[in-house]
Amino acid sequence: MNFAIWNTASIPVLIHVAAATFCTLLGAYMIFAKKGNRAHKIMGWAWVAGMSVAIFSALFVHGFEWIGPFSPIHLIIPFAAWGLWGGIRDIRAKKSTGSS
């Protein structure tokens, strides 16, 4: 892998990649970790914070414009925000998916 590309990447890209990587690794760990305890809840809120950063920073990632400054990947942002909000809403309502 060519790590020199990181030297030329914009700050929003670096923030977005860092947040997305954090959420991917933490999410993968949380799938197999014990659920419902205090550590799980703290990691869950850390994941929510990371996803919020990833979603927000995606607004500033540009490179292959399609409509104005936006690309097709920007179409994912509203769905990601909606899904994140739905998860938070369900957690606050104490709804369970039954996967624990």
Protein backbone atom coordinates (compact mmCIF):
# COMPACT_ATOMS: atom_id res chain seq x y z
CA MET A 1 0.00 0.00 0.00
CA ASN A 2 1.22 3.47 -0.85
CA PHE A 3 1.16 5.53 2.34
CA ALA A 4 2.43 8.64 0.54
CA ILE A 5 -1.14 9.42 -0.48
CA TRP A 6 -1.89 10.42 3.12
CA ASN A 7 0.58 13.32 2.77
CA THR A 8 -1.54 14.89 0.05
CA ALA A 9 -5.00 14.07 1.43
CA SER A 10 -7.12 16.94 2.72
CA ILE A 11 -7.94 17.28 6.42
CA PRO A 12 -11.61 16.26 5.93
CA VAL A 13 -10.49 13.07 4.16
CA LEU A 14 -8.07 12.22 6.97
CA ILE A 15 -10.73 12.86 9.61
CA HIS A 16 -13.28 10.81 7.68
CA VAL A 17 -10.93 7.85 7.20
CA ALA A 18 -9.88 7.92 10.86
CA ALA A 19 -13.50 8.02 12.08
CA ALA A 20 -14.64 5.31 9.67
CA THR A 21 -11.71 3.06 10.59
CA PHE A 22 -12.39 3.59 14.29
CA CYS A 23 -16.07 2.67 13.85
CA THR A 24 -15.28 -0.37 11.71
CA LEU A 25 -12.79 -1.79 14.22
CA LEU A 26 -14.88 -0.94 17.28
CA GLY A 27 -18.04 -2.30 15.64
CA ALA A 28 -16.31 -5.55 14.72
CA TYR A 29 -15.11 -5.96 18.31
CA MET A 30 -18.54 -5.15 19.75
CA ILE A 31 -20.20 -7.85 17.68
CA PHE A 32 -18.28 -10.50 19.61
CA ALA A 33 -17.96 -8.76 23.00
CA LYS A 34 -20.35 -9.28 25.88
CA LYS A 35 -23.41 -7.10 25.48
CA GLY A 36 -25.37 -5.02 27.93
CA ASN A 37 -22.61 -4.25 30.43
CA ARG A 38 -21.20 -0.80 31.20
CA ALA A 39 -18.21 -1.21 28.85
CA HIS A 40 -20.52 -2.15 25.98
CA LYS A 41 -22.64 0.94 26.55
CA ILE A 42 -19.58 3.21 26.67
CA MET A 43 -18.18 1.65 23.49
CA GLY A 44 -21.60 2.02 21.86
CA TRP A 45 -21.71 5.73 22.56
CA ALA A 46 -18.10 6.04 21.34
CA TRP A 47 -19.23 4.33 18.13
CA VAL A 48 -22.15 6.78 17.81
CA ALA A 49 -19.73 9.69 18.25
CA GLY A 50 -17.37 8.21 15.65
CA MET A 51 -20.18 7.68 13.17
CA SER A 52 -21.35 11.24 13.73
CA VAL A 53 -17.87 12.48 12.87
CA ALA A 54 -17.69 10.19 9.83
CA ILE A 55 -21.09 11.33 8.54
CA PHE A 56 -20.38 15.03 9.09
CA SER A 57 -16.87 14.88 7.63
CA ALA A 58 -18.23 13.10 4.53
CA LEU A 59 -19.93 16.36 3.59
CA PHE A 60 -16.49 17.90 3.04
CA VAL A 61 -14.91 15.03 1.11
CA HIS A 62 -14.71 15.94 -2.56
CA GLY A 63 -12.79 14.56 -5.48
CA PHE A 64 -15.02 13.31 -8.25
CA GLU A 65 -17.81 15.85 -8.51
CA TRP A 66 -21.04 14.76 -10.12
CA ILE A 67 -23.61 17.43 -9.27
CA GLY A 68 -21.86 20.62 -8.21
CA PRO A 69 -19.39 19.73 -5.45
CA PHE A 70 -21.16 16.44 -4.67
CA SER A 71 -20.57 12.89 -5.86
CA PRO A 72 -22.81 9.82 -5.79
CA ILE A 73 -21.25 8.77 -2.49
CA HIS A 74 -22.82 11.83 -0.88
CA LEU A 75 -26.23 10.20 -1.45
CA ILE A 76 -25.37 7.81 1.40
CA ILE A 77 -25.06 10.60 3.98
CA PRO A 78 -28.82 11.08 4.64
CA PHE A 79 -29.35 7.32 4.98
CA ALA A 80 -26.43 6.98 7.39
CA ALA A 81 -27.69 9.91 9.49
CA TRP A 82 -31.23 8.50 9.49
CA GLY A 83 -29.97 5.05 10.53
CA LEU A 84 -27.80 6.50 13.28
CA TRP A 85 -30.69 8.55 14.62
CA GLY A 86 -33.01 5.52 14.46
CA GLY A 87 -30.53 3.47 16.47
CA ILE A 88 -30.21 6.17 19.12
CA ARG A 89 -33.99 6.50 19.28
CA ASP A 90 -34.39 2.75 19.75
CA ILE A 91 -31.68 2.62 22.42
CA ARG A 92 -33.35 5.43 24.36
CA ALA A 93 -36.70 3.64 24.05
CA LYS A 94 -34.96 0.45 25.27
CA LYS A 95 -35.98 -1.49 22.17
CA SER A 96 -33.96 -4.63 21.58
CA THR A 97 -33.16 -6.30 18.29
CA GLY A 98 -33.00 -9.65 20.05
CA SER A 99 -29.43 -10.25 18.95
CA SER A 100 -27.81 -10.19 22.40
